[in-house]
PDB file of N, CA and C in Angstrom:
ATOM      1  N   MET A   1     -43.689  -5.965 -49.729  1.00  0.00           N
ATOM      2  CA  MET A   1     -44.076  -4.782 -48.995  1.00  0.00           C
ATOM      3  C   MET A   1     -42.825  -4.047 -48.534  1.00  0.00           C
ATOM      4  N   ALA A   2     -41.820  -4.699 -48.096  1.00  0.00           N
ATOM      5  CA  ALA A   2     -40.591  -4.020 -47.617  1.00  0.00           C
ATOM      6  C   ALA A   2     -39.865  -3.339 -48.748  1.00  0.00           C
ATOM      7  N   LEU A   3     -39.856  -4.017 -49.904  1.00  0.00           N
ATOM      8  CA  LEU A   3     -39.209  -3.490 -51.082  1.00  0.00           C
ATOM      9  C   LEU A   3     -39.897  -2.294 -51.550  1.00  0.00           C
ATOM     10  N   HIS A   4     -41.258  -2.218 -51.650  1.00  0.00           N
ATOM     11  CA  HIS A   4     -42.006  -1.103 -52.001  1.00  0.00           C
ATOM     12  C   HIS A   4     -41.758   0.044 -51.069  1.00  0.00           C
ATOM     13  N   ALA A   5     -41.799  -0.132 -49.750  1.00  0.00           N
ATOM     14  CA  ALA A   5     -41.553   0.886 -48.801  1.00  0.00           C
ATOM     15  C   ALA A   5     -40.183   1.447 -48.917  1.00  0.00           C
ATOM     16  N   THR A   6     -39.130   0.639 -49.154  1.00  0.00           N
ATOM     17  CA  THR A   6     -37.825   1.090 -49.392  1.00  0.00           C
ATOM     18  C   THR A   6     -37.640   1.948 -50.628  1.00  0.00           C
ATOM     19  N   ASN A   7     -38.259   1.535 -51.650  1.00  0.00           N
ATOM     20  CA  ASN A   7     -38.132   2.337 -52.838  1.00  0.00           C
ATOM     21  C   ASN A   7     -38.926   3.630 -52.696  1.00  0.00           C
ATOM     22  N   ARG A   8     -40.027   3.654 -52.038  1.00  0.00           N
ATOM     23  CA  ARG A   8     -40.870   4.803 -51.851  1.00  0.00           C
ATOM     24  C   ARG A   8     -40.061   5.891 -50.948  1.00  0.00           C
ATOM     25  N   ALA A   9     -39.425   5.310 -49.980  1.00  0.00           N
ATOM     26  CA  ALA A   9     -38.576   6.230 -49.034  1.00  0.00           C
ATOM     27  C   ALA A   9     -37.399   6.748 -49.870  1.00  0.00           C
ATOM     28  N   ALA A  10     -36.744   5.993 -50.551  1.00  0.00           N
ATOM     29  CA  ALA A  10     -35.596   6.429 -51.367  1.00  0.00           C
ATOM     30  C   ALA A  10     -36.014   7.566 -52.344  1.00  0.00           C
ATOM     31  N   GLU A  11     -37.127   7.349 -53.151  1.00  0.00           N
ATOM     32  CA  GLU A  11     -37.531   8.339 -54.069  1.00  0.00           C
ATOM     33  C   GLU A  11     -37.935   9.575 -53.399  1.00  0.00           C
ATOM     34  N   TRP A  12     -38.618   9.553 -52.219  1.00  0.00           N
ATOM     35  CA  TRP A  12     -38.957  10.678 -51.490  1.00  0.00           C
ATOM     36  C   TRP A  12     -37.702  11.458 -50.968  1.00  0.00           C
ATOM     37  N   ALA A  13     -36.683  10.747 -50.562  1.00  0.00           N
ATOM     38  CA  ALA A  13     -35.457  11.390 -50.034  1.00  0.00           C
ATOM     39  C   ALA A  13     -34.687  12.023 -51.219  1.00  0.00           C
ATOM     40  N   PHE A  14     -34.629  11.405 -52.398  1.00  0.00           N
ATOM     41  CA  PHE A  14     -34.003  11.948 -53.525  1.00  0.00           C
ATOM     42  C   PHE A  14     -34.784  13.137 -54.115  1.00  0.00           C
ATOM     43  N   HIS A  15     -36.059  12.999 -54.295  1.00  0.00           N
ATOM     44  CA  HIS A  15     -36.822  14.044 -55.036  1.00  0.00           C
ATOM     45  C   HIS A  15     -37.310  15.120 -54.132  1.00  0.00           C
ATOM     46  N   ASP A  16     -37.819  14.836 -53.023  1.00  0.00           N
ATOM     47  CA  ASP A  16     -38.389  15.814 -52.139  1.00  0.00           C
ATOM     48  C   ASP A  16     -37.341  16.506 -51.169  1.00  0.00           C
ATOM     49  N   LEU A  17     -36.374  15.747 -50.816  1.00  0.00           N
ATOM     50  CA  LEU A  17     -35.364  16.284 -49.917  1.00  0.00           C
ATOM     51  C   LEU A  17     -34.127  16.705 -50.623  1.00  0.00           C
ATOM     52  N   GLY A  18     -34.020  16.211 -51.909  1.00  0.00           N
ATOM     53  CA  GLY A  18     -32.832  16.617 -52.698  1.00  0.00           C
ATOM     54  C   GLY A  18     -31.490  15.868 -52.329  1.00  0.00           C
ATOM     55  N   LEU A  19     -31.628  14.836 -51.665  1.00  0.00           N
ATOM     56  CA  LEU A  19     -30.343  14.113 -51.227  1.00  0.00           C
ATOM     57  C   LEU A  19     -29.754  13.370 -52.493  1.00  0.00           C
ATOM     58  N   HIS A  20     -28.438  13.200 -52.391  1.00  0.00           N
ATOM     59  CA  HIS A  20     -27.772  12.620 -53.516  1.00  0.00           C
ATOM     60  C   HIS A  20     -27.435  11.094 -53.261  1.00  0.00           C
ATOM     61  N   CYS A  21     -27.141  10.777 -51.958  1.00  0.00           N
ATOM     62  CA  CYS A  21     -26.757   9.448 -51.638  1.00  0.00           C
ATOM     63  C   CYS A  21     -27.482   8.999 -50.305  1.00  0.00           C
ATOM     64  N   LEU A  22     -27.909   7.719 -50.286  1.00  0.00           N
ATOM     65  CA  LEU A  22     -28.594   7.269 -49.194  1.00  0.00           C
ATOM     66  C   LEU A  22     -27.812   5.934 -48.687  1.00  0.00           C
ATOM     67  N   GLU A  23     -27.748   5.628 -47.385  1.00  0.00           N
ATOM     68  CA  GLU A  23     -27.049   4.573 -46.864  1.00  0.00           C
ATOM     69  C   GLU A  23     -28.097   3.870 -45.905  1.00  0.00           C
ATOM     70  N   LEU A  24     -28.180   2.507 -46.058  1.00  0.00           N
ATOM     71  CA  LEU A  24     -28.969   1.760 -45.045  1.00  0.00           C
ATOM     72  C   LEU A  24     -28.027   0.584 -44.520  1.00  0.00           C
ATOM     73  N   THR A  25     -28.246   0.204 -43.329  1.00  0.00           N
ATOM     74  CA  THR A  25     -27.445  -0.816 -42.677  1.00  0.00           C
ATOM     75  C   THR A  25     -28.302  -1.867 -41.998  1.00  0.00           C
ATOM     76  N   HIS A  26     -27.885  -3.141 -42.055  1.00  0.00           N
ATOM     77  CA  HIS A  26     -28.547  -4.213 -41.428  1.00  0.00           C
ATOM     78  C   HIS A  26     -27.526  -5.219 -40.831  1.00  0.00           C
ATOM     79  N   GLY A  27     -27.975  -6.028 -39.915  1.00  0.00           N
ATOM     80  CA  GLY A  27     -27.116  -7.030 -39.390  1.00  0.00           C
ATOM     81  C   GLY A  27     -26.755  -8.112 -40.507  1.00  0.00           C
ATOM     82  N   VAL A  28     -25.613  -8.572 -40.376  1.00  0.00           N
ATOM     83  CA  VAL A  28     -25.106  -9.508 -41.462  1.00  0.00           C
ATOM     84  C   VAL A  28     -25.912 -10.728 -41.531  1.00  0.00           C
ATOM     85  N   ARG A  29     -26.469 -11.068 -40.423  1.00  0.00           N
ATOM     86  CA  ARG A  29     -27.316 -12.331 -40.385  1.00  0.00           C
ATOM     87  C   ARG A  29     -28.769 -12.121 -40.924  1.00  0.00           C
ATOM     88  N   ASN A  30     -29.078 -10.921 -41.245  1.00  0.00           N
ATOM     89  CA  ASN A  30     -30.463 -10.623 -41.694  1.00  0.00           C
ATOM     90  C   ASN A  30     -30.419 -10.603 -43.254  1.00  0.00           C
ATOM     91  N   THR A  31     -30.551 -11.918 -43.816  1.00  0.00           N
ATOM     92  CA  THR A  31     -30.455 -12.074 -45.236  1.00  0.00           C
ATOM     93  C   THR A  31     -31.676 -11.479 -45.906  1.00  0.00           C
ATOM     94  N   ALA A  32     -32.816 -11.483 -45.335  1.00  0.00           N
ATOM     95  CA  ALA A  32     -33.984 -10.842 -45.956  1.00  0.00           C
ATOM     96  C   ALA A  32     -33.809  -9.337 -46.198  1.00  0.00           C
ATOM     97  N   SER A  33     -33.233  -8.655 -45.180  1.00  0.00           N
ATOM     98  CA  SER A  33     -33.024  -7.245 -45.368  1.00  0.00           C
ATOM     99  C   SER A  33     -31.895  -6.970 -46.508  1.00  0.00           C
ATOM    100  N   CYS A  34     -30.992  -7.839 -46.542  1.00  0.00           N
ATOM    101  CA  CYS A  34     -29.870  -7.695 -47.547  1.00  0.00           C
ATOM    102  C   CYS A  34     -30.576  -7.917 -48.983  1.00  0.00           C
ATOM    103  N   ARG A  35     -31.437  -8.759 -49.105  1.00  0.00           N
ATOM    104  CA  ARG A  35     -32.139  -8.999 -50.388  1.00  0.00           C
ATOM    105  C   ARG A  35     -32.952  -7.778 -50.773  1.00  0.00           C
ATOM    106  N   VAL A  36     -33.766  -7.133 -49.770  1.00  0.00           N
ATOM    107  CA  VAL A  36     -34.506  -5.999 -50.084  1.00  0.00           C
ATOM    108  C   VAL A  36     -33.578  -4.843 -50.430  1.00  0.00           C
ATOM    109  N   ALA A  37     -32.531  -4.663 -49.788  1.00  0.00           N
ATOM    110  CA  ALA A  37     -31.671  -3.524 -50.083  1.00  0.00           C
ATOM    111  C   ALA A  37     -31.094  -3.668 -51.416  1.00  0.00           C
ATOM    112  N   GLN A  38     -30.629  -4.849 -51.832  1.00  0.00           N
ATOM    113  CA  GLN A  38     -30.115  -5.045 -53.191  1.00  0.00           C
ATOM    114  C   GLN A  38     -31.127  -4.861 -54.220  1.00  0.00           C
ATOM    115  N   LYS A  39     -32.384  -5.404 -54.053  1.00  0.00           N
ATOM    116  CA  LYS A  39     -33.453  -5.268 -55.127  1.00  0.00           C
ATOM    117  C   LYS A  39     -33.787  -3.866 -55.180  1.00  0.00           C
ATOM    118  N   ALA A  40     -33.649  -3.016 -54.157  1.00  0.00           N
ATOM    119  CA  ALA A  40     -34.090  -1.539 -54.147  1.00  0.00           C
ATOM    120  C   ALA A  40     -32.934  -0.731 -54.705  1.00  0.00           C
ATOM    121  N   GLY A  41     -31.775  -1.386 -55.166  1.00  0.00           N
ATOM    122  CA  GLY A  41     -30.718  -0.564 -55.829  1.00  0.00           C
ATOM    123  C   GLY A  41     -29.738  -0.107 -54.904  1.00  0.00           C
ATOM    124  N   PHE A  42     -29.713  -0.671 -53.636  1.00  0.00           N
ATOM    125  CA  PHE A  42     -28.617  -0.297 -52.674  1.00  0.00           C
ATOM    126  C   PHE A  42     -27.498  -1.247 -52.796  1.00  0.00           C
ATOM    127  N   ALA A  43     -26.308  -0.864 -53.201  1.00  0.00           N
ATOM    128  CA  ALA A  43     -25.190  -1.758 -53.382  1.00  0.00           C
ATOM    129  C   ALA A  43     -24.497  -2.005 -52.039  1.00  0.00           C
ATOM    130  N   LEU A  44     -24.108  -3.241 -51.871  1.00  0.00           N
ATOM    131  CA  LEU A  44     -23.419  -3.683 -50.685  1.00  0.00           C
ATOM    132  C   LEU A  44     -22.052  -3.102 -50.722  1.00  0.00           C
ATOM    133  N   GLU A  45     -21.594  -2.459 -49.591  1.00  0.00           N
ATOM    134  CA  GLU A  45     -20.326  -1.718 -49.524  1.00  0.00           C
ATOM    135  C   GLU A  45     -19.392  -2.359 -48.572  1.00  0.00           C
ATOM    136  N   GLY A  46     -19.622  -3.523 -48.101  1.00  0.00           N
ATOM    137  CA  GLY A  46     -18.689  -4.193 -47.164  1.00  0.00           C
ATOM    138  C   GLY A  46     -19.288  -4.674 -45.915  1.00  0.00           C
ATOM    139  N   THR A  47     -18.420  -4.769 -44.878  1.00  0.00           N
ATOM    140  CA  THR A  47     -18.915  -5.234 -43.511  1.00  0.00           C
ATOM    141  C   THR A  47     -18.270  -4.372 -42.524  1.00  0.00           C
ATOM    142  N   LYS A  48     -19.151  -3.807 -41.660  1.00  0.00           N
ATOM    143  CA  LYS A  48     -18.644  -3.090 -40.523  1.00  0.00           C
ATOM    144  C   LYS A  48     -18.512  -4.062 -39.203  1.00  0.00           C
ATOM    145  N   ARG A  49     -17.349  -4.299 -38.846  1.00  0.00           N
ATOM    146  CA  ARG A  49     -17.254  -5.340 -37.843  1.00  0.00           C
ATOM    147  C   ARG A  49     -17.585  -4.681 -36.446  1.00  0.00           C
ATOM    148  N   SER A  50     -18.366  -5.522 -35.656  1.00  0.00           N
ATOM    149  CA  SER A  50     -18.829  -5.121 -34.325  1.00  0.00           C
ATOM    150  C   SER A  50     -19.287  -3.605 -34.304  1.00  0.00           C
ATOM    151  N   ALA A  51     -20.148  -3.310 -35.231  1.00  0.00           N
ATOM    152  CA  ALA A  51     -20.555  -1.842 -35.385  1.00  0.00           C
ATOM    153  C   ALA A  51     -21.748  -1.468 -34.553  1.00  0.00           C
ATOM    154  N   THR A  52     -22.580  -2.468 -34.103  1.00  0.00           N
ATOM    155  CA  THR A  52     -23.737  -2.082 -33.401  1.00  0.00           C
ATOM    156  C   THR A  52     -23.957  -2.987 -32.157  1.00  0.00           C
ATOM    157  N   LEU A  53     -24.267  -2.367 -31.012  1.00  0.00           N
ATOM    158  CA  LEU A  53     -24.440  -3.113 -29.795  1.00  0.00           C
ATOM    159  C   LEU A  53     -25.897  -3.439 -29.691  1.00  0.00           C
ATOM    160  N   HIS A  54     -26.313  -4.744 -29.601  1.00  0.00           N
ATOM    161  CA  HIS A  54     -27.630  -5.231 -29.374  1.00  0.00           C
ATOM    162  C   HIS A  54     -27.653  -5.893 -28.033  1.00  0.00           C
ATOM    163  N   ALA A  55     -28.836  -6.300 -27.518  1.00  0.00           N
ATOM    164  CA  ALA A  55     -29.031  -6.875 -26.258  1.00  0.00           C
ATOM    165  C   ALA A  55     -28.150  -8.146 -26.080  1.00  0.00           C
ATOM    166  N   ASP A  56     -27.890  -8.792 -27.111  1.00  0.00           N
ATOM    167  CA  ASP A  56     -27.018 -10.036 -27.068  1.00  0.00           C
ATOM    168  C   ASP A  56     -25.618  -9.804 -27.424  1.00  0.00           C
ATOM    169  N   GLY A  57     -25.120  -8.659 -27.505  1.00  0.00           N
ATOM    170  CA  GLY A  57     -23.795  -8.326 -27.818  1.00  0.00           C
ATOM    171  C   GLY A  57     -23.547  -7.514 -29.112  1.00  0.00           C
ATOM    172  N   TRP A  58     -22.294  -7.421 -29.549  1.00  0.00           N
ATOM    173  CA  TRP A  58     -21.985  -6.664 -30.666  1.00  0.00           C
ATOM    174  C   TRP A  58     -22.266  -7.440 -31.971  1.00  0.00           C
ATOM    175  N   HIS A  59     -22.747  -6.692 -32.987  1.00  0.00           N
ATOM    176  CA  HIS A  59     -23.104  -7.272 -34.232  1.00  0.00           C
ATOM    177  C   HIS A  59     -22.325  -6.722 -35.435  1.00  0.00           C
ATOM    178  N   ASP A  60     -21.868  -7.571 -36.359  1.00  0.00           N
ATOM    179  CA  ASP A  60     -21.317  -6.998 -37.624  1.00  0.00           C
ATOM    180  C   ASP A  60     -22.513  -6.449 -38.489  1.00  0.00           C
ATOM    181  N   MET A  61     -22.272  -5.411 -39.225  1.00  0.00           N
ATOM    182  CA  MET A  61     -23.328  -4.871 -40.059  1.00  0.00           C
ATOM    183  C   MET A  61     -22.890  -4.721 -41.506  1.00  0.00           C
ATOM    184  N   HIS A  62     -23.876  -4.806 -42.398  1.00  0.00           N
ATOM    185  CA  HIS A  62     -23.694  -4.636 -43.862  1.00  0.00           C
ATOM    186  C   HIS A  62     -24.275  -3.218 -44.202  1.00  0.00           C
ATOM    187  N   PRO A  63     -23.318  -2.278 -44.599  1.00  0.00           N
ATOM    188  CA  PRO A  63     -23.774  -1.020 -45.128  1.00  0.00           C
ATOM    189  C   PRO A  63     -24.048  -1.113 -46.596  1.00  0.00           C
ATOM    190  N   HIS A  64     -25.187  -0.588 -47.092  1.00  0.00           N
ATOM    191  CA  HIS A  64     -25.466  -0.492 -48.476  1.00  0.00           C
ATOM    192  C   HIS A  64     -25.740   0.969 -48.842  1.00  0.00           C
ATOM    193  N   ALA A  65     -25.429   1.272 -50.119  1.00  0.00           N
ATOM    194  CA  ALA A  65     -25.593   2.678 -50.504  1.00  0.00           C
ATOM    195  C   ALA A  65     -26.308   2.742 -51.868  1.00  0.00           C
ATOM    196  N   ARG A  66     -27.140   3.864 -52.028  1.00  0.00           N
ATOM    197  CA  ARG A  66     -27.817   4.059 -53.306  1.00  0.00           C
ATOM    198  C   ARG A  66     -27.551   5.522 -53.670  1.00  0.00           C
ATOM    199  N   VAL A  67     -27.113   5.787 -54.891  1.00  0.00           N
ATOM    200  CA  VAL A  67     -26.811   7.119 -55.342  1.00  0.00           C
ATOM    201  C   VAL A  67     -27.961   7.569 -56.280  1.00  0.00           C
ATOM    202  N   ASN A  68     -28.381   8.736 -56.238  1.00  0.00           N
ATOM    203  CA  ASN A  68     -29.423   9.235 -57.100  1.00  0.00           C
ATOM    204  C   ASN A  68     -28.850   9.387 -58.541  1.00  0.00           C
ATOM    205  N   GLY A  69     -29.392   8.829 -59.475  1.00  0.00           N
ATOM    206  CA  GLY A  69     -28.925   9.036 -60.911  1.00  0.00           C
ATOM    207  C   GLY A  69     -28.239   7.981 -61.476  1.00  0.00           C
TER     208      GLY A  69
END
């Protein structure tokens, strides 16, 4: 379900909005989101250290990107 939704959102952004590049980000401990991003064609681009503040403190994040074409 998450993979289908991610692909549908990406196709909408590319085709209806005309965007060229999309980025999504998730916490490094969220392996399920990492798998969905990669299966949807979003390449892992590294680690953003202490990038997002959550209720339990700062979290490292994985940015992924997908380019149209």
